[in-house]
Amino acid sequence: MSSTRPFILRRPFLLAFSTAIAVVLASGAVVWTRDFNSAGPNTDYRPAFEGQTRAPVIADEIKLDRTVIASGLENPWGMAELPDASWLVTEKPGRLRIVGSDGGVSDPVAGLPEVFSSGQGGLLDVVVRSNFSETRRVWWSYAEPRADGLNGTSVATGTLSPDGREMTDVRVIFRQEPGWRSEAHFGSRLAFDDQGALFVTTGDRSVTDARPLAQDIGTHIGKVLRIDPEGGPAAGNPDIEGGRPEIWSYGHRNLQSAAIGPDGALWTVEHGPRGGDELNRPEAGKNYGWPVINYGLEYRGGPIGEGLTQKEGMEQPIYYWDPVIAPSGLVFYDGDVFPSWKDSALIGALRGQALVRLTLENNRVTGEARYLEGYARIRDVAVAKDGAVMILTDETNGELIRLTPAHD
């Protein structure tokens, strides 16, 4: 059953207020807000243009009511709302569940293919289309076990039975190649564009030997891919000489956030190493630089490659974070419950343990706010049809939470 709880200030949140700033609103009121930009960067790299990092902190008086719709979810990863206001929710160990509007959690849906569940691998994202009521078709991404101990990101589709208990007519429509022996950096978010094509994001598989393949257009490693929802490359993809026909863009590290923006374009957020999480608006056929250019460092210390942040023929991120937020999940707010958030990008933060909001103008970030800081690792974020914001917490006792403005 769902429950409403006040937001409790936990210790990390309290410590965050050791540094705060006063912001004067247009009304003349003074608001104290957390200055997350006060944390020192990992690098001394300079941004390529003004506003590329550390955007002004948004003064936001909104307080949030937090209603737990369902708990007891084991590391939930992705979610999709169904027409009856229930939610499909994936659990990383390989289970797909339906969470009813009353908070009831179903038994695992039967019929899904085997999942490689280890490290960052597991059952990942899930999406449906607007015609779900007629077709009951579902698409999901997952880490798939392959022969000889290899694995890779795959996408499957199936038809959900009328009683919601089973997936039938299950088919794998995409397999990342080559497979790799790794437990990390699978991506993987799914997003339909307005032409009906399905964007799929992948990672660079984390291990040093695989990392350069993000620049290899003969692979699906570290790419944004655009496929037909029935399988194969989508019509209208860029013609990249020598490249795989599914490739939309390349040179990415580990994309765990993707959404179609108000402008109709795909937007993504990807994990950097120590510094260098990136917001991008990937364009067809373009190279986004990893691992040749980057605004972060190796985890063990030292630069990535030659320590370059710019190179001809490689695109700059629209925005980057240093220190990182560890992004997962992205949606653009299009509801009426939070009028001041209209068209803002909402991003889940794992390391940052927050809901991050970005305001944008002319494809540039103009401000950043963070909510629920220190509460939990936020794995995914969505906007419900009624305008509430939904989040998933990445915990062994994970929660599906509904956020609405608090009313004093």
Protein backbone atom coordinates (compact mmCIF):
# COMPACT_ATOMS: atom_id res chain seq x y z
CA MET A 1 0.00 0.00 0.00
CA SER A 2 1.15 3.53 -0.63
CA SER A 3 2.08 5.82 2.22
CA THR A 4 2.96 9.47 2.63
CA ARG A 5 5.97 10.38 4.76
CA PRO A 6 7.56 13.73 5.55
CA PHE A 7 11.02 14.21 4.06
CA ILE A 8 13.46 13.41 6.90
CA LEU A 9 16.79 15.25 6.91
CA ARG A 10 19.43 12.56 7.09
CA ARG A 11 23.01 13.18 8.15
CA PRO A 12 24.51 13.66 4.62
CA PHE A 13 21.80 16.24 3.94
CA LEU A 14 22.51 18.10 7.17
CA LEU A 15 26.23 18.15 6.48
CA ALA A 16 25.51 19.64 3.07
CA PHE A 17 24.33 22.82 4.75
CA SER A 18 27.82 23.54 6.01
CA THR A 19 28.06 25.61 2.84
CA ALA A 20 24.99 27.54 1.73
CA ILE A 21 24.23 30.70 -0.20
CA ALA A 22 21.52 33.33 0.06
CA VAL A 23 19.60 33.94 -3.14
CA VAL A 24 17.27 36.91 -3.58
CA LEU A 25 14.10 36.07 -5.46
CA ALA A 26 12.32 38.47 -7.76
CA SER A 27 9.76 38.99 -4.99
CA GLY A 28 12.53 40.28 -2.75
CA ALA A 29 12.47 37.27 -0.45
CA VAL A 30 15.78 35.77 0.58
CA VAL A 31 16.11 32.00 0.26
CA TRP A 32 18.97 29.95 1.65
CA THR A 33 19.86 27.16 -0.74
CA ARG A 34 22.53 24.49 -0.86
CA ASP A 35 25.59 25.63 -2.83
CA PHE A 36 26.61 22.31 -4.37
CA ASN A 37 28.97 24.25 -6.62
CA SER A 38 31.19 24.90 -3.61
CA ALA A 39 32.68 21.39 -3.82
CA GLY A 40 36.08 21.54 -5.50
CA PRO A 41 36.56 19.89 -8.92
CA ASN A 42 38.75 16.87 -9.52
CA THR A 43 40.60 18.61 -12.35
CA ASP A 44 41.87 22.02 -13.34
CA TYR A 45 40.37 21.67 -16.83
CA ARG A 46 38.73 24.80 -18.21
CA PRO A 47 35.29 24.64 -19.83
CA ALA A 48 35.11 25.26 -23.56
CA PHE A 49 32.46 27.97 -23.15
CA GLU A 50 30.74 29.94 -20.42
CA GLY A 51 28.04 27.98 -18.62
CA GLN A 52 29.33 24.55 -19.67
CA THR A 53 29.67 23.56 -16.01
CA ARG A 54 28.61 24.84 -12.57
CA ALA A 55 25.52 26.69 -13.71
CA PRO A 56 23.97 29.14 -11.24
CA VAL A 57 22.10 27.48 -8.38
CA ILE A 58 18.35 27.88 -8.88
CA ALA A 59 16.53 29.43 -5.94
CA ASP A 60 13.49 27.16 -5.65
CA GLU A 61 11.04 27.53 -2.78
CA ILE A 62 9.22 24.31 -3.68
CA LYS A 63 8.94 21.74 -0.91
CA LEU A 64 8.13 18.19 -1.89
CA ASP A 65 5.63 15.70 -0.54
CA ARG A 66 7.06 12.22 -0.89
CA THR A 67 4.52 9.38 -1.18
CA VAL A 68 5.91 5.85 -1.24
CA ILE A 69 3.77 3.94 -3.73
CA ALA A 70 5.62 0.63 -3.39
CA SER A 71 8.62 -0.67 -1.48
CA GLY A 72 10.46 -3.98 -1.29
CA LEU A 73 11.70 -3.69 -4.88
CA GLU A 74 15.19 -5.16 -5.33
CA ASN A 75 17.37 -2.57 -7.07
CA PRO A 76 14.67 -1.30 -9.43
CA TRP A 77 16.15 0.13 -12.64
CA GLY A 78 13.49 1.30 -15.11
CA MET A 79 9.78 2.07 -15.23
CA ALA A 80 6.98 2.75 -17.69
CA GLU A 81 3.45 3.90 -16.92
CA LEU A 82 0.54 1.90 -18.35
CA PRO A 83 -2.84 3.39 -19.37
CA ASP A 84 -4.52 2.29 -16.11
CA ALA A 85 -1.95 4.29 -14.05
CA SER A 86 -0.08 1.14 -13.02
CA TRP A 87 3.67 0.93 -13.63
CA LEU A 88 5.94 -1.64 -15.19
CA VAL A 89 9.08 -1.73 -13.03
CA THR A 90 12.25 -3.69 -13.73
CA GLU A 91 14.40 -5.16 -10.95
CA LYS A 92 18.06 -5.62 -11.77
CA PRO A 93 18.20 -9.32 -10.76
CA GLY A 94 15.93 -10.04 -13.76
CA ARG A 95 12.33 -9.53 -12.63
CA LEU A 96 9.66 -7.38 -14.29
CA ARG A 97 6.79 -6.42 -11.98
CA ILE A 98 3.58 -4.43 -12.24
CA VAL A 99 2.95 -1.90 -9.49
CA GLY A 100 -0.73 -1.04 -9.27
CA SER A 101 -2.11 2.41 -8.57
CA ASP A 102 -2.96 1.09 -5.10
CA GLY A 103 0.69 0.17 -4.48
CA GLY A 104 0.23 -3.57 -4.92
CA VAL A 105 3.26 -5.32 -6.40
CA SER A 106 2.68 -8.26 -8.75
CA ASP A 107 4.56 -11.51 -8.93
CA PRO A 108 7.35 -11.42 -11.54
CA VAL A 109 6.05 -11.44 -15.10
CA ALA A 110 6.88 -14.81 -16.65
CA GLY A 111 8.47 -15.39 -20.04
CA LEU A 112 11.43 -12.98 -20.08
CA PRO A 113 14.75 -14.26 -21.47
CA GLU A 114 17.71 -15.12 -19.24
CA VAL A 115 19.51 -12.11 -17.75
CA PHE A 116 23.18 -11.72 -16.81
CA SER A 117 22.77 -10.33 -13.30
CA SER A 118 26.11 -9.40 -11.78
CA GLY A 119 27.80 -6.09 -11.03
CA GLN A 120 25.99 -3.47 -13.10
CA GLY A 121 24.36 -6.13 -15.28
CA GLY A 122 20.73 -7.17 -15.07
CA LEU A 123 17.29 -6.27 -16.32
CA LEU A 124 17.54 -2.61 -17.25
CA ASP A 125 15.11 -0.23 -18.98
CA VAL A 126 11.50 -0.77 -20.10
CA VAL A 127 9.26 1.26 -22.44
CA VAL A 128 5.82 1.07 -24.04
CA ARG A 129 4.21 3.11 -26.80
CA SER A 130 1.04 5.20 -26.79
CA ASN A 131 -0.90 2.35 -28.46
CA PHE A 132 -0.23 -0.10 -25.63
CA SER A 133 -3.97 -0.53 -24.93
CA GLU A 134 -4.38 -2.03 -28.41
CA THR A 135 -1.09 -3.93 -28.78
CA ARG A 136 0.11 -4.63 -25.19
CA ARG A 137 3.63 -4.55 -26.64
CA VAL A 138 6.58 -3.93 -24.30
CA TRP A 139 10.28 -3.34 -25.04
CA TRP A 140 13.08 -3.83 -22.52
CA SER A 141 16.87 -3.79 -22.41
CA TYR A 142 19.03 -6.15 -20.40
CA ALA A 143 22.49 -7.59 -19.95
CA GLU A 144 22.41 -10.84 -21.90
CA PRO A 145 24.71 -13.80 -21.20
CA ARG A 146 26.59 -14.94 -24.30
CA ALA A 147 28.74 -17.96 -25.13
CA ASP A 148 32.20 -18.43 -23.60
CA GLY A 149 31.47 -16.23 -20.58
CA LEU A 150 30.80 -13.09 -22.64
CA ASN A 151 27.82 -10.77 -22.26
CA GLY A 152 26.38 -7.63 -23.78
CA THR A 153 23.44 -5.23 -23.89
CA SER A 154 20.40 -6.61 -25.71
CA VAL A 155 16.87 -5.40 -26.40
CA ALA A 156 13.81 -7.66 -26.51
CA THR A 157 10.12 -7.14 -27.13
CA GLY A 158 7.03 -9.12 -26.23
CA THR A 159 3.29 -8.96 -25.64
CA LEU A 160 2.03 -8.68 -22.09
CA SER A 161 -0.86 -11.08 -21.42
CA PRO A 162 -4.23 -9.50 -20.53
CA ASP A 163 -3.87 -10.65 -16.92
CA GLY A 164 -0.34 -9.19 -16.71
CA ARG A 165 1.20 -12.48 -15.67
CA GLU A 166 3.19 -13.47 -18.75
CA MET A 167 5.13 -12.06 -21.69
CA THR A 168 4.40 -13.88 -24.94
CA ASP A 169 5.84 -13.71 -28.47
CA VAL A 170 9.19 -12.68 -26.99
CA ARG A 171 11.88 -11.78 -29.53
CA VAL A 172 15.37 -10.32 -29.18
CA ILE A 173 15.57 -7.44 -31.66
CA PHE A 174 19.06 -6.12 -30.90
CA ARG A 175 22.34 -7.52 -29.58
CA GLN A 176 25.36 -5.34 -28.85
CA GLU A 177 28.45 -6.58 -30.66
CA PRO A 178 31.01 -7.60 -29.76
CA GLY A 179 30.18 -9.34 -26.52
CA TRP A 180 32.65 -8.79 -23.70
CA ARG A 181 33.67 -10.34 -20.42
CA SER A 182 32.72 -7.48 -18.08
CA GLU A 183 30.20 -6.74 -15.34
CA ALA A 184 29.94 -3.00 -16.03
CA HIS A 185 28.91 -0.20 -18.41
CA PHE A 186 25.97 -1.80 -20.21
CA GLY A 187 24.12 1.54 -20.69
CA SER A 188 21.19 1.32 -21.28
CA ARG A 189 18.17 3.54 -21.79
CA LEU A 190 15.43 3.27 -24.40
CA ALA A 191 13.48 6.13 -25.99
CA PHE A 192 11.09 6.26 -28.96
CA ASP A 193 11.37 9.23 -31.29
CA ASP A 194 8.46 10.88 -33.10
CA GLN A 195 9.09 8.72 -36.17
CA GLY A 196 8.62 5.52 -34.20
CA ALA A 197 12.29 4.53 -34.13
CA LEU A 198 13.81 3.25 -30.89
CA PHE A 199 16.97 4.82 -29.48
CA VAL A 200 19.19 2.44 -27.51
CA THR A 201 22.18 3.61 -25.49
CA THR A 202 25.17 1.43 -24.63
CA GLY A 203 28.36 1.70 -22.59
CA ASP A 204 32.06 1.16 -23.22
CA ARG A 205 32.10 -1.99 -20.99
CA SER A 206 34.45 -0.27 -18.49
CA VAL A 207 37.53 -2.45 -19.02
CA THR A 208 40.58 -0.73 -20.50
CA ASP A 209 40.85 -3.00 -23.54
CA ALA A 210 37.27 -2.27 -24.61
CA ARG A 211 37.34 1.48 -23.99
CA PRO A 212 38.85 2.45 -27.40
CA LEU A 213 35.97 0.65 -29.13
CA ALA A 214 33.77 3.64 -28.31
CA GLN A 215 35.63 5.25 -31.24
CA ASP A 216 35.32 2.12 -33.43
CA ILE A 217 32.27 2.52 -35.65
CA GLY A 218 32.45 -1.17 -36.52
CA THR A 219 31.13 -1.97 -33.01
CA HIS A 220 28.14 -1.15 -30.82
CA ILE A 221 30.40 -0.29 -27.86
CA GLY A 222 29.89 3.23 -26.41
CA LYS A 223 27.22 4.26 -28.89
CA VAL A 224 23.77 5.72 -29.30
CA LEU A 225 21.92 3.35 -31.61
CA ARG A 226 18.66 3.87 -33.47
CA ILE A 227 16.75 0.74 -34.43
CA ASP A 228 13.43 -0.33 -35.88
CA PRO A 229 11.16 -1.54 -33.06
CA GLU A 230 10.75 -4.79 -34.98
CA GLY A 231 14.52 -5.20 -35.34
CA GLY A 232 17.31 -3.95 -37.61
CA PRO A 233 18.49 -0.38 -38.22
CA ALA A 234 15.87 2.36 -38.40
CA ALA A 235 15.18 4.20 -41.63
CA GLY A 236 16.86 7.60 -41.80
CA ASN A 237 19.99 6.72 -39.83
CA PRO A 238 23.22 8.50 -40.79
CA ASP A 239 25.37 6.85 -43.44
CA ILE A 240 28.68 6.49 -41.62
CA GLU A 241 31.26 5.00 -43.98
CA GLY A 242 32.40 1.67 -42.59
CA GLY A 243 30.03 1.99 -39.63
CA ARG A 244 27.31 -0.26 -38.30
CA PRO A 245 23.93 0.82 -39.74
CA GLU A 246 22.33 1.08 -36.29
CA ILE A 247 24.75 3.81 -35.12
CA TRP A 248 23.32 7.27 -34.49
CA SER A 249 26.33 8.74 -32.63
CA TYR A 250 29.52 7.43 -31.05
CA GLY A 251 32.33 8.21 -28.63
CA HIS A 252 30.22 7.77 -25.48
CA ARG A 253 31.29 6.29 -22.13
CA ASN A 254 28.25 4.90 -20.29
CA LEU A 255 24.84 6.32 -21.13
CA GLN A 256 22.23 5.62 -18.46
CA SER A 257 19.95 8.57 -19.24
CA ALA A 258 18.04 9.29 -22.44
CA ALA A 259 14.84 11.15 -23.31
CA ILE A 260 13.20 13.06 -26.12
CA GLY A 261 13.23 16.77 -25.31
CA PRO A 262 10.60 19.46 -25.93
CA ASP A 263 12.45 20.20 -29.17
CA GLY A 264 11.81 16.65 -30.42
CA ALA A 265 15.51 15.75 -30.25
CA LEU A 266 17.22 13.05 -28.24
CA TRP A 267 19.06 14.17 -25.10
CA THR A 268 21.38 11.95 -23.09
CA VAL A 269 23.42 12.05 -19.90
CA GLU A 270 26.42 9.77 -19.47
CA HIS A 271 28.72 8.80 -16.65
CA GLY A 272 32.21 10.24 -16.62
CA PRO A 273 35.04 8.77 -14.53
CA ARG A 274 36.32 11.05 -11.71
CA GLY A 275 34.61 14.12 -13.11
CA GLY A 276 33.12 14.62 -16.53
CA ASP A 277 29.51 13.40 -16.39
CA GLU A 278 28.04 14.84 -19.59
CA LEU A 279 24.73 16.19 -20.88
CA ASN A 280 24.57 15.85 -24.66
CA ARG A 281 22.09 16.33 -27.48
CA PRO A 282 23.51 13.67 -29.82
CA GLU A 283 23.28 14.51 -33.50
CA ALA A 284 23.31 12.01 -36.33
CA GLY A 285 26.75 10.69 -37.24
CA LYS A 286 28.71 12.82 -34.79
CA ASN A 287 31.58 11.81 -32.50
CA TYR A 288 31.31 12.76 -28.81
CA GLY A 289 34.93 12.11 -28.01
CA TRP A 290 35.29 9.37 -25.41
CA PRO A 291 37.98 8.32 -24.56
CA VAL A 292 40.02 10.84 -26.58
CA ILE A 293 38.51 13.94 -24.97
CA ASN A 294 36.93 14.13 -21.54
CA TYR A 295 36.58 16.40 -18.49
CA GLY A 296 37.50 13.73 -15.92
CA LEU A 297 40.37 11.67 -14.55
CA GLU A 298 41.12 7.99 -14.16
CA TYR A 299 39.74 6.56 -10.91
CA ARG A 300 43.29 5.73 -9.85
CA GLY A 301 44.38 9.28 -10.68
CA GLY A 302 45.95 10.84 -13.74
CA PRO A 303 44.49 12.01 -17.05
CA ILE A 304 42.41 9.99 -19.48
CA GLY A 305 44.74 9.35 -22.43
CA GLU A 306 46.54 12.59 -23.28
CA GLY A 307 44.33 14.64 -20.98
CA LEU A 308 42.57 16.43 -23.85
CA THR A 309 39.25 18.18 -23.43
CA GLN A 310 38.88 19.41 -27.03
CA LYS A 311 39.80 18.04 -30.43
CA GLU A 312 38.75 18.88 -33.96
CA GLY A 313 35.98 16.63 -35.24
CA MET A 314 34.74 15.81 -31.73
CA GLU A 315 31.71 17.39 -30.10
CA GLN A 316 31.65 19.26 -26.80
CA PRO A 317 29.10 18.33 -24.14
CA ILE A 318 26.36 20.88 -23.59
CA TYR A 319 27.09 20.59 -19.87
CA TYR A 320 29.34 18.59 -17.56
CA TRP A 321 29.67 17.90 -13.83
CA ASP A 322 32.88 17.78 -11.82
CA PRO A 323 32.50 16.35 -9.19
CA VAL A 324 30.12 13.84 -10.72
CA ILE A 325 26.48 13.23 -9.88
CA ALA A 326 26.54 9.68 -11.39
CA PRO A 327 23.44 10.19 -13.58
CA SER A 328 20.72 7.61 -14.22
CA GLY A 329 17.35 8.40 -15.72
CA LEU A 330 16.20 11.54 -17.53
CA VAL A 331 12.86 13.12 -18.33
CA PHE A 332 11.71 16.57 -19.44
CA TYR A 333 8.91 17.87 -17.30
CA ASP A 334 5.70 18.41 -19.29
CA GLY A 335 3.02 18.31 -16.58
CA ASP A 336 0.98 20.96 -14.74
CA VAL A 337 1.65 19.95 -11.13
CA PHE A 338 4.99 21.82 -11.07
CA PRO A 339 4.34 24.84 -13.36
CA SER A 340 7.76 26.40 -12.71
CA TRP A 341 9.47 23.19 -13.81
CA LYS A 342 7.97 23.24 -17.33
CA ASP A 343 10.50 21.94 -19.90
CA SER A 344 13.17 21.44 -17.22
CA ALA A 345 15.36 18.35 -17.48
CA LEU A 346 15.01 16.09 -14.42
CA ILE A 347 17.88 13.67 -13.81
CA GLY A 348 18.37 10.96 -11.22
CA ALA A 349 21.67 11.10 -9.33
CA LEU A 350 23.23 7.99 -7.83
CA ARG A 351 26.41 9.27 -6.21
CA GLY A 352 24.79 12.68 -5.82
CA GLN A 353 21.77 11.08 -4.11
CA ALA A 354 19.44 13.72 -5.46
CA LEU A 355 16.91 14.69 -8.08
CA VAL A 356 18.70 17.18 -10.33
CA ARG A 357 16.80 19.84 -12.29
CA LEU A 358 18.33 21.79 -15.16
CA THR A 359 16.80 24.79 -16.90
CA LEU A 360 17.80 25.26 -20.53
CA GLU A 361 17.65 27.97 -23.14
CA ASN A 362 18.92 27.70 -26.73
CA ASN A 363 20.56 24.34 -25.91
CA ARG A 364 22.51 25.82 -23.00
CA VAL A 365 22.06 25.15 -19.29
CA THR A 366 21.00 28.29 -17.43
CA GLY A 367 20.52 26.91 -13.91
CA GLU A 368 20.69 23.82 -11.70
CA ALA A 369 18.76 22.74 -8.61
CA ARG A 370 18.96 19.59 -6.47
CA TYR A 371 16.19 18.08 -4.39
CA LEU A 372 16.08 15.31 -1.73
CA GLU A 373 19.85 15.54 -1.33
CA GLY A 374 21.20 12.70 0.76
CA TYR A 375 17.95 10.73 0.71
CA ALA A 376 18.81 7.86 -1.66
CA ARG A 377 20.44 6.83 -4.93
CA ILE A 378 17.87 7.80 -7.56
CA ARG A 379 18.00 5.32 -10.44
CA ASP A 380 15.16 6.52 -12.67
CA VAL A 381 12.76 9.45 -12.99
CA ALA A 382 9.51 9.80 -14.92
CA VAL A 383 6.50 12.10 -15.19
CA ALA A 384 3.15 10.45 -14.50
CA LYS A 385 0.20 11.24 -16.73
CA ASP A 386 -1.30 13.34 -13.93
CA GLY A 387 1.86 15.50 -13.72
CA ALA A 388 3.42 14.03 -10.57
CA VAL A 389 7.14 13.17 -10.69
CA MET A 390 7.98 9.51 -10.07
CA ILE A 391 11.38 8.25 -8.91
CA LEU A 392 12.92 4.84 -8.28
CA THR A 393 15.49 4.39 -5.51
CA ASP A 394 18.40 2.05 -6.18
CA GLU A 395 18.40 -0.06 -3.03
CA THR A 396 17.86 -3.71 -2.10
CA ASN A 397 14.64 -2.41 -0.56
CA GLY A 398 13.98 0.00 -3.38
CA GLU A 399 10.95 2.25 -3.61
CA LEU A 400 8.68 3.72 -6.26
CA ILE A 401 7.97 7.23 -4.98
CA ARG A 402 5.53 9.90 -6.10
CA LEU A 403 6.62 13.53 -5.69
CA THR A 404 4.18 16.44 -5.54
CA PRO A 405 4.42 19.98 -4.17
CA ALA A 406 3.90 20.21 -0.42
CA HIS A 407 1.06 22.46 0.74
CA ASP A 408 1.56 24.20 4.06
